[in-house]
Amino acid sequence: MEGLLHTEKTHDGDRVTVALQGEMDLSNAADVIDEFAATVARRPTALDVDLSDLIYSDSVGLSVLATAHYQCIDHGVAFRILNPNPFIERLLVVTGLNELLLIVTSDDTLVGG
């Protein structure tokens, strides 16, 4: 993906990590949903979404994370959010998504889920 958001996908066995870097909003949400859906359709054991370099998200971007979570549930794939920076972590808490999503920080602290 080009523009405000860059994604990088890595594999560790049957676990896939998608790192989001930049800004996620209405302008790129459909592309991210498509990327997550294609990844989940391959049925990895787990999908991790690394948010350490995601500097901005609007409500549409947050809905992308919830959509990915439910896609994973539908396909029996574990889903985790990794290392949200303080701004994104605050958004997850304020919106209550920290209660829905499994969020793991770099110090292995569970924030939600």
N, C-alpha and C. Protein backbone atom coordinates (compact mmCIF):
# COMPACT_ATOMS: atom_id res chain seq x y z
N MET A 1 0.83 -1.18 0.00
CA MET A 1 0.00 0.00 0.00
C MET A 1 0.87 1.24 0.00
N GLU A 2 0.48 2.23 -0.73
CA GLU A 2 1.24 3.46 -0.84
C GLU A 2 0.49 4.58 -0.12
N GLY A 3 1.13 5.72 0.01
CA GLY A 3 0.46 6.87 0.58
C GLY A 3 0.68 6.99 2.07
N LEU A 4 -0.40 7.25 2.79
CA LEU A 4 -0.30 7.50 4.22
C LEU A 4 -0.01 6.26 5.04
N LEU A 5 -0.25 5.08 4.48
CA LEU A 5 -0.10 3.85 5.23
C LEU A 5 0.74 2.86 4.46
N HIS A 6 1.66 2.25 5.15
CA HIS A 6 2.49 1.18 4.59
C HIS A 6 2.25 -0.06 5.44
N THR A 7 2.14 -1.21 4.79
CA THR A 7 2.00 -2.46 5.52
C THR A 7 3.17 -3.36 5.18
N GLU A 8 3.58 -4.13 6.16
CA GLU A 8 4.65 -5.10 5.98
C GLU A 8 4.20 -6.41 6.62
N LYS A 9 4.22 -7.47 5.82
CA LYS A 9 3.75 -8.77 6.31
C LYS A 9 4.95 -9.70 6.48
N THR A 10 5.01 -10.36 7.65
CA THR A 10 6.05 -11.34 7.90
C THR A 10 5.40 -12.63 8.40
N HIS A 11 6.11 -13.72 8.20
CA HIS A 11 5.61 -15.04 8.61
C HIS A 11 6.61 -15.65 9.59
N ASP A 12 6.08 -16.25 10.63
CA ASP A 12 6.89 -17.02 11.58
C ASP A 12 6.16 -18.35 11.75
N GLY A 13 6.55 -19.33 10.96
CA GLY A 13 5.80 -20.57 10.93
C GLY A 13 4.43 -20.29 10.35
N ASP A 14 3.39 -20.65 11.10
CA ASP A 14 2.02 -20.43 10.64
C ASP A 14 1.40 -19.19 11.28
N ARG A 15 2.22 -18.36 11.89
CA ARG A 15 1.77 -17.08 12.47
C ARG A 15 2.14 -15.97 11.50
N VAL A 16 1.19 -15.10 11.20
CA VAL A 16 1.44 -13.97 10.29
C VAL A 16 1.37 -12.69 11.11
N THR A 17 2.33 -11.82 10.88
CA THR A 17 2.31 -10.49 11.49
C THR A 17 2.21 -9.46 10.39
N VAL A 18 1.24 -8.57 10.54
CA VAL A 18 1.10 -7.44 9.62
C VAL A 18 1.41 -6.19 10.44
N ALA A 19 2.47 -5.49 10.04
CA ALA A 19 2.85 -4.24 10.70
C ALA A 19 2.24 -3.09 9.91
N LEU A 20 1.54 -2.22 10.60
CA LEU A 20 0.95 -1.03 9.99
C LEU A 20 1.81 0.17 10.36
N GLN A 21 2.22 0.93 9.35
CA GLN A 21 3.10 2.08 9.58
C GLN A 21 2.50 3.30 8.91
N GLY A 22 2.31 4.36 9.70
CA GLY A 22 1.76 5.61 9.15
C GLY A 22 0.39 5.90 9.71
N GLU A 23 -0.55 6.22 8.82
CA GLU A 23 -1.89 6.65 9.21
C GLU A 23 -2.95 5.77 8.56
N MET A 24 -3.88 5.28 9.38
CA MET A 24 -4.98 4.46 8.86
C MET A 24 -6.28 5.24 9.03
N ASP A 25 -6.95 5.44 7.90
CA ASP A 25 -8.20 6.20 7.94
C ASP A 25 -9.08 5.77 6.76
N LEU A 26 -10.12 6.52 6.51
CA LEU A 26 -11.07 6.19 5.46
C LEU A 26 -10.40 5.99 4.10
N SER A 27 -9.34 6.73 3.84
CA SER A 27 -8.70 6.67 2.53
C SER A 27 -8.03 5.33 2.23
N ASN A 28 -7.69 4.56 3.26
CA ASN A 28 -7.00 3.29 3.02
C ASN A 28 -7.63 2.10 3.75
N ALA A 29 -8.72 2.33 4.44
CA ALA A 29 -9.35 1.26 5.24
C ALA A 29 -9.76 0.06 4.40
N ALA A 30 -10.33 0.28 3.23
CA ALA A 30 -10.78 -0.84 2.39
C ALA A 30 -9.61 -1.72 1.97
N ASP A 31 -8.47 -1.10 1.67
CA ASP A 31 -7.28 -1.87 1.29
C ASP A 31 -6.79 -2.73 2.45
N VAL A 32 -6.82 -2.17 3.65
CA VAL A 32 -6.36 -2.93 4.83
C VAL A 32 -7.32 -4.08 5.11
N ILE A 33 -8.62 -3.83 5.03
CA ILE A 33 -9.60 -4.90 5.24
C ILE A 33 -9.37 -6.02 4.22
N ASP A 34 -9.13 -5.65 2.96
CA ASP A 34 -8.87 -6.66 1.93
C ASP A 34 -7.60 -7.46 2.24
N GLU A 35 -6.56 -6.77 2.70
CA GLU A 35 -5.32 -7.47 3.03
C GLU A 35 -5.52 -8.44 4.19
N PHE A 36 -6.23 -8.00 5.22
CA PHE A 36 -6.51 -8.89 6.35
C PHE A 36 -7.36 -10.07 5.91
N ALA A 37 -8.39 -9.81 5.10
CA ALA A 37 -9.27 -10.89 4.64
C ALA A 37 -8.49 -11.93 3.83
N ALA A 38 -7.61 -11.47 2.96
CA ALA A 38 -6.80 -12.41 2.16
C ALA A 38 -5.87 -13.22 3.06
N THR A 39 -5.32 -12.59 4.07
CA THR A 39 -4.44 -13.29 5.00
C THR A 39 -5.22 -14.34 5.80
N VAL A 40 -6.37 -13.95 6.32
CA VAL A 40 -7.18 -14.86 7.13
C VAL A 40 -7.70 -16.03 6.28
N ALA A 41 -8.01 -15.77 5.03
CA ALA A 41 -8.51 -16.83 4.14
C ALA A 41 -7.49 -17.95 3.95
N ARG A 42 -6.21 -17.63 4.14
CA ARG A 42 -5.16 -18.66 4.04
C ARG A 42 -5.06 -19.50 5.32
N ARG A 43 -5.86 -19.13 6.31
CA ARG A 43 -5.98 -19.85 7.58
C ARG A 43 -4.66 -20.08 8.33
N PRO A 44 -3.95 -19.00 8.63
CA PRO A 44 -2.80 -19.16 9.52
C PRO A 44 -3.32 -19.51 10.91
N THR A 45 -2.46 -19.95 11.79
CA THR A 45 -2.93 -20.21 13.16
C THR A 45 -3.20 -18.91 13.89
N ALA A 46 -2.47 -17.84 13.50
CA ALA A 46 -2.64 -16.57 14.19
C ALA A 46 -2.33 -15.41 13.27
N LEU A 47 -3.01 -14.31 13.51
CA LEU A 47 -2.74 -13.04 12.85
C LEU A 47 -2.44 -12.01 13.93
N ASP A 48 -1.23 -11.49 13.89
CA ASP A 48 -0.82 -10.42 14.79
C ASP A 48 -0.76 -9.13 13.99
N VAL A 49 -1.27 -8.05 14.55
CA VAL A 49 -1.21 -6.75 13.91
C VAL A 49 -0.35 -5.84 14.77
N ASP A 50 0.82 -5.51 14.26
CA ASP A 50 1.78 -4.68 14.98
C ASP A 50 1.46 -3.21 14.71
N LEU A 51 1.11 -2.49 15.77
CA LEU A 51 0.73 -1.08 15.65
C LEU A 51 1.79 -0.13 16.20
N SER A 52 3.00 -0.63 16.42
CA SER A 52 4.03 0.21 17.04
C SER A 52 4.37 1.43 16.19
N ASP A 53 4.21 1.34 14.87
CA ASP A 53 4.52 2.47 13.99
C ASP A 53 3.28 3.08 13.34
N LEU A 54 2.11 2.74 13.87
CA LEU A 54 0.88 3.40 13.41
C LEU A 54 0.73 4.68 14.21
N ILE A 55 0.85 5.82 13.55
CA ILE A 55 0.86 7.09 14.28
C ILE A 55 -0.51 7.74 14.39
N TYR A 56 -1.47 7.28 13.55
CA TYR A 56 -2.80 7.88 13.58
C TYR A 56 -3.82 6.88 13.09
N SER A 57 -4.98 6.92 13.69
CA SER A 57 -6.13 6.18 13.19
C SER A 57 -7.38 6.97 13.53
N ASP A 58 -8.31 7.00 12.60
CA ASP A 58 -9.62 7.57 12.90
C ASP A 58 -10.57 6.43 13.24
N SER A 59 -11.84 6.73 13.40
CA SER A 59 -12.81 5.70 13.79
C SER A 59 -12.94 4.62 12.74
N VAL A 60 -12.78 4.97 11.48
CA VAL A 60 -12.85 3.97 10.42
C VAL A 60 -11.68 3.00 10.54
N GLY A 61 -10.50 3.53 10.82
CA GLY A 61 -9.34 2.68 11.04
C GLY A 61 -9.53 1.72 12.21
N LEU A 62 -10.14 2.22 13.27
CA LEU A 62 -10.42 1.35 14.42
C LEU A 62 -11.42 0.27 14.05
N SER A 63 -12.38 0.61 13.21
CA SER A 63 -13.36 -0.40 12.79
C SER A 63 -12.69 -1.49 11.95
N VAL A 64 -11.62 -1.15 11.25
CA VAL A 64 -10.86 -2.15 10.50
C VAL A 64 -10.31 -3.22 11.45
N LEU A 65 -9.82 -2.78 12.60
CA LEU A 65 -9.28 -3.74 13.57
C LEU A 65 -10.39 -4.64 14.12
N ALA A 66 -11.55 -4.07 14.39
CA ALA A 66 -12.67 -4.88 14.87
C ALA A 66 -13.12 -5.86 13.79
N THR A 67 -13.15 -5.41 12.54
CA THR A 67 -13.53 -6.29 11.43
C THR A 67 -12.55 -7.45 11.31
N ALA A 68 -11.26 -7.16 11.40
CA ALA A 68 -10.25 -8.22 11.32
C ALA A 68 -10.42 -9.21 12.46
N HIS A 69 -10.73 -8.71 13.64
CA HIS A 69 -10.97 -9.57 14.80
C HIS A 69 -12.10 -10.56 14.50
N TYR A 70 -13.20 -10.06 13.97
CA TYR A 70 -14.35 -10.94 13.68
C TYR A 70 -14.07 -11.86 12.49
N GLN A 71 -13.30 -11.40 11.51
CA GLN A 71 -12.89 -12.30 10.42
C GLN A 71 -12.10 -13.47 10.99
N CYS A 72 -11.21 -13.18 11.91
CA CYS A 72 -10.40 -14.23 12.53
C CYS A 72 -11.27 -15.20 13.32
N ILE A 73 -12.21 -14.69 14.07
CA ILE A 73 -13.13 -15.57 14.82
C ILE A 73 -13.85 -16.50 13.85
N ASP A 74 -14.36 -15.94 12.75
CA ASP A 74 -15.11 -16.74 11.77
C ASP A 74 -14.28 -17.85 11.15
N HIS A 75 -12.95 -17.66 11.09
CA HIS A 75 -12.08 -18.64 10.44
C HIS A 75 -11.21 -19.42 11.43
N GLY A 76 -11.43 -19.24 12.72
CA GLY A 76 -10.67 -19.98 13.72
C GLY A 76 -9.21 -19.56 13.81
N VAL A 77 -8.94 -18.29 13.57
CA VAL A 77 -7.58 -17.76 13.60
C VAL A 77 -7.44 -16.87 14.83
N ALA A 78 -6.39 -17.09 15.61
CA ALA A 78 -6.13 -16.23 16.77
C ALA A 78 -5.75 -14.84 16.28
N PHE A 79 -6.17 -13.81 17.01
CA PHE A 79 -5.93 -12.42 16.61
C PHE A 79 -5.40 -11.63 17.79
N ARG A 80 -4.28 -10.94 17.55
CA ARG A 80 -3.71 -10.08 18.59
C ARG A 80 -3.29 -8.75 18.00
N ILE A 81 -3.39 -7.71 18.81
CA ILE A 81 -2.83 -6.40 18.51
C ILE A 81 -1.54 -6.31 19.30
N LEU A 82 -0.46 -5.94 18.62
CA LEU A 82 0.84 -5.85 19.27
C LEU A 82 1.32 -4.40 19.34
N ASN A 83 1.84 -4.04 20.49
CA ASN A 83 2.61 -2.82 20.70
C ASN A 83 1.99 -1.51 20.20
N PRO A 84 0.74 -1.24 20.53
CA PRO A 84 0.21 0.06 20.11
C PRO A 84 0.98 1.18 20.81
N ASN A 85 1.28 2.24 20.07
CA ASN A 85 1.93 3.37 20.72
C ASN A 85 0.93 4.02 21.68
N PRO A 86 1.38 4.92 22.55
CA PRO A 86 0.47 5.49 23.55
C PRO A 86 -0.79 6.14 22.96
N PHE A 87 -0.67 6.82 21.82
CA PHE A 87 -1.84 7.46 21.21
C PHE A 87 -2.87 6.42 20.78
N ILE A 88 -2.42 5.40 20.07
CA ILE A 88 -3.33 4.36 19.59
C ILE A 88 -3.88 3.56 20.78
N GLU A 89 -3.04 3.27 21.76
CA GLU A 89 -3.51 2.54 22.94
C GLU A 89 -4.62 3.32 23.64
N ARG A 90 -4.46 4.62 23.73
CA ARG A 90 -5.49 5.48 24.35
C ARG A 90 -6.79 5.41 23.56
N LEU A 91 -6.70 5.45 22.23
CA LEU A 91 -7.91 5.33 21.40
C LEU A 91 -8.61 3.99 21.65
N LEU A 92 -7.84 2.93 21.76
CA LEU A 92 -8.42 1.61 22.00
C LEU A 92 -9.13 1.56 23.36
N VAL A 93 -8.56 2.21 24.34
CA VAL A 93 -9.17 2.24 25.67
C VAL A 93 -10.42 3.11 25.68
N VAL A 94 -10.33 4.32 25.12
CA VAL A 94 -11.46 5.26 25.12
C VAL A 94 -12.66 4.68 24.38
N THR A 95 -12.41 3.96 23.29
CA THR A 95 -13.50 3.39 22.50
C THR A 95 -13.99 2.06 23.05
N GLY A 96 -13.29 1.51 24.01
CA GLY A 96 -13.67 0.21 24.58
C GLY A 96 -13.18 -0.98 23.77
N LEU A 97 -12.44 -0.73 22.71
CA LEU A 97 -11.92 -1.85 21.91
C LEU A 97 -10.92 -2.68 22.68
N ASN A 98 -10.32 -2.09 23.72
CA ASN A 98 -9.40 -2.87 24.55
C ASN A 98 -10.13 -4.01 25.27
N GLU A 99 -11.44 -3.91 25.40
CA GLU A 99 -12.23 -4.98 26.02
C GLU A 99 -12.54 -6.09 25.02
N LEU A 100 -12.50 -5.78 23.74
CA LEU A 100 -12.81 -6.74 22.69
C LEU A 100 -11.56 -7.44 22.16
N LEU A 101 -10.51 -6.67 21.97
CA LEU A 101 -9.30 -7.16 21.32
C LEU A 101 -8.25 -7.59 22.33
N LEU A 102 -7.49 -8.61 21.98
CA LEU A 102 -6.34 -9.00 22.79
C LEU A 102 -5.18 -8.10 22.38
N ILE A 103 -4.71 -7.28 23.31
CA ILE A 103 -3.67 -6.30 23.04
C ILE A 103 -2.47 -6.64 23.91
N VAL A 104 -1.32 -6.81 23.26
CA VAL A 104 -0.10 -7.16 23.97
C VAL A 104 0.93 -6.07 23.70
N THR A 105 1.52 -5.54 24.78
CA THR A 105 2.55 -4.53 24.63
C THR A 105 3.92 -5.19 24.62
N SER A 106 4.93 -4.42 24.27
CA SER A 106 6.29 -4.95 24.13
C SER A 106 6.82 -5.54 25.44
N ASP A 107 6.29 -5.09 26.55
CA ASP A 107 6.75 -5.66 27.83
C ASP A 107 5.86 -6.83 28.26
N ASP A 108 5.11 -7.40 27.28
CA ASP A 108 4.24 -8.56 27.50
C ASP A 108 3.09 -8.28 28.43
N THR A 109 2.71 -7.03 28.57
CA THR A 109 1.57 -6.66 29.38
C THR A 109 0.31 -6.76 28.54
N LEU A 110 -0.69 -7.45 29.04
CA LEU A 110 -1.98 -7.49 28.35
C LEU A 110 -2.74 -6.23 28.69
N VAL A 111 -3.21 -5.53 27.67
CA VAL A 111 -3.96 -4.29 27.87
C VAL A 111 -5.46 -4.58 27.85
N GLY A 112 -5.88 -5.58 27.14
CA GLY A 112 -7.30 -5.85 27.03
C GLY A 112 -7.54 -7.28 26.61
N GLY A 113 -8.75 -7.51 26.12
CA GLY A 113 -9.10 -8.82 25.59
C GLY A 113 -9.65 -9.70 26.62
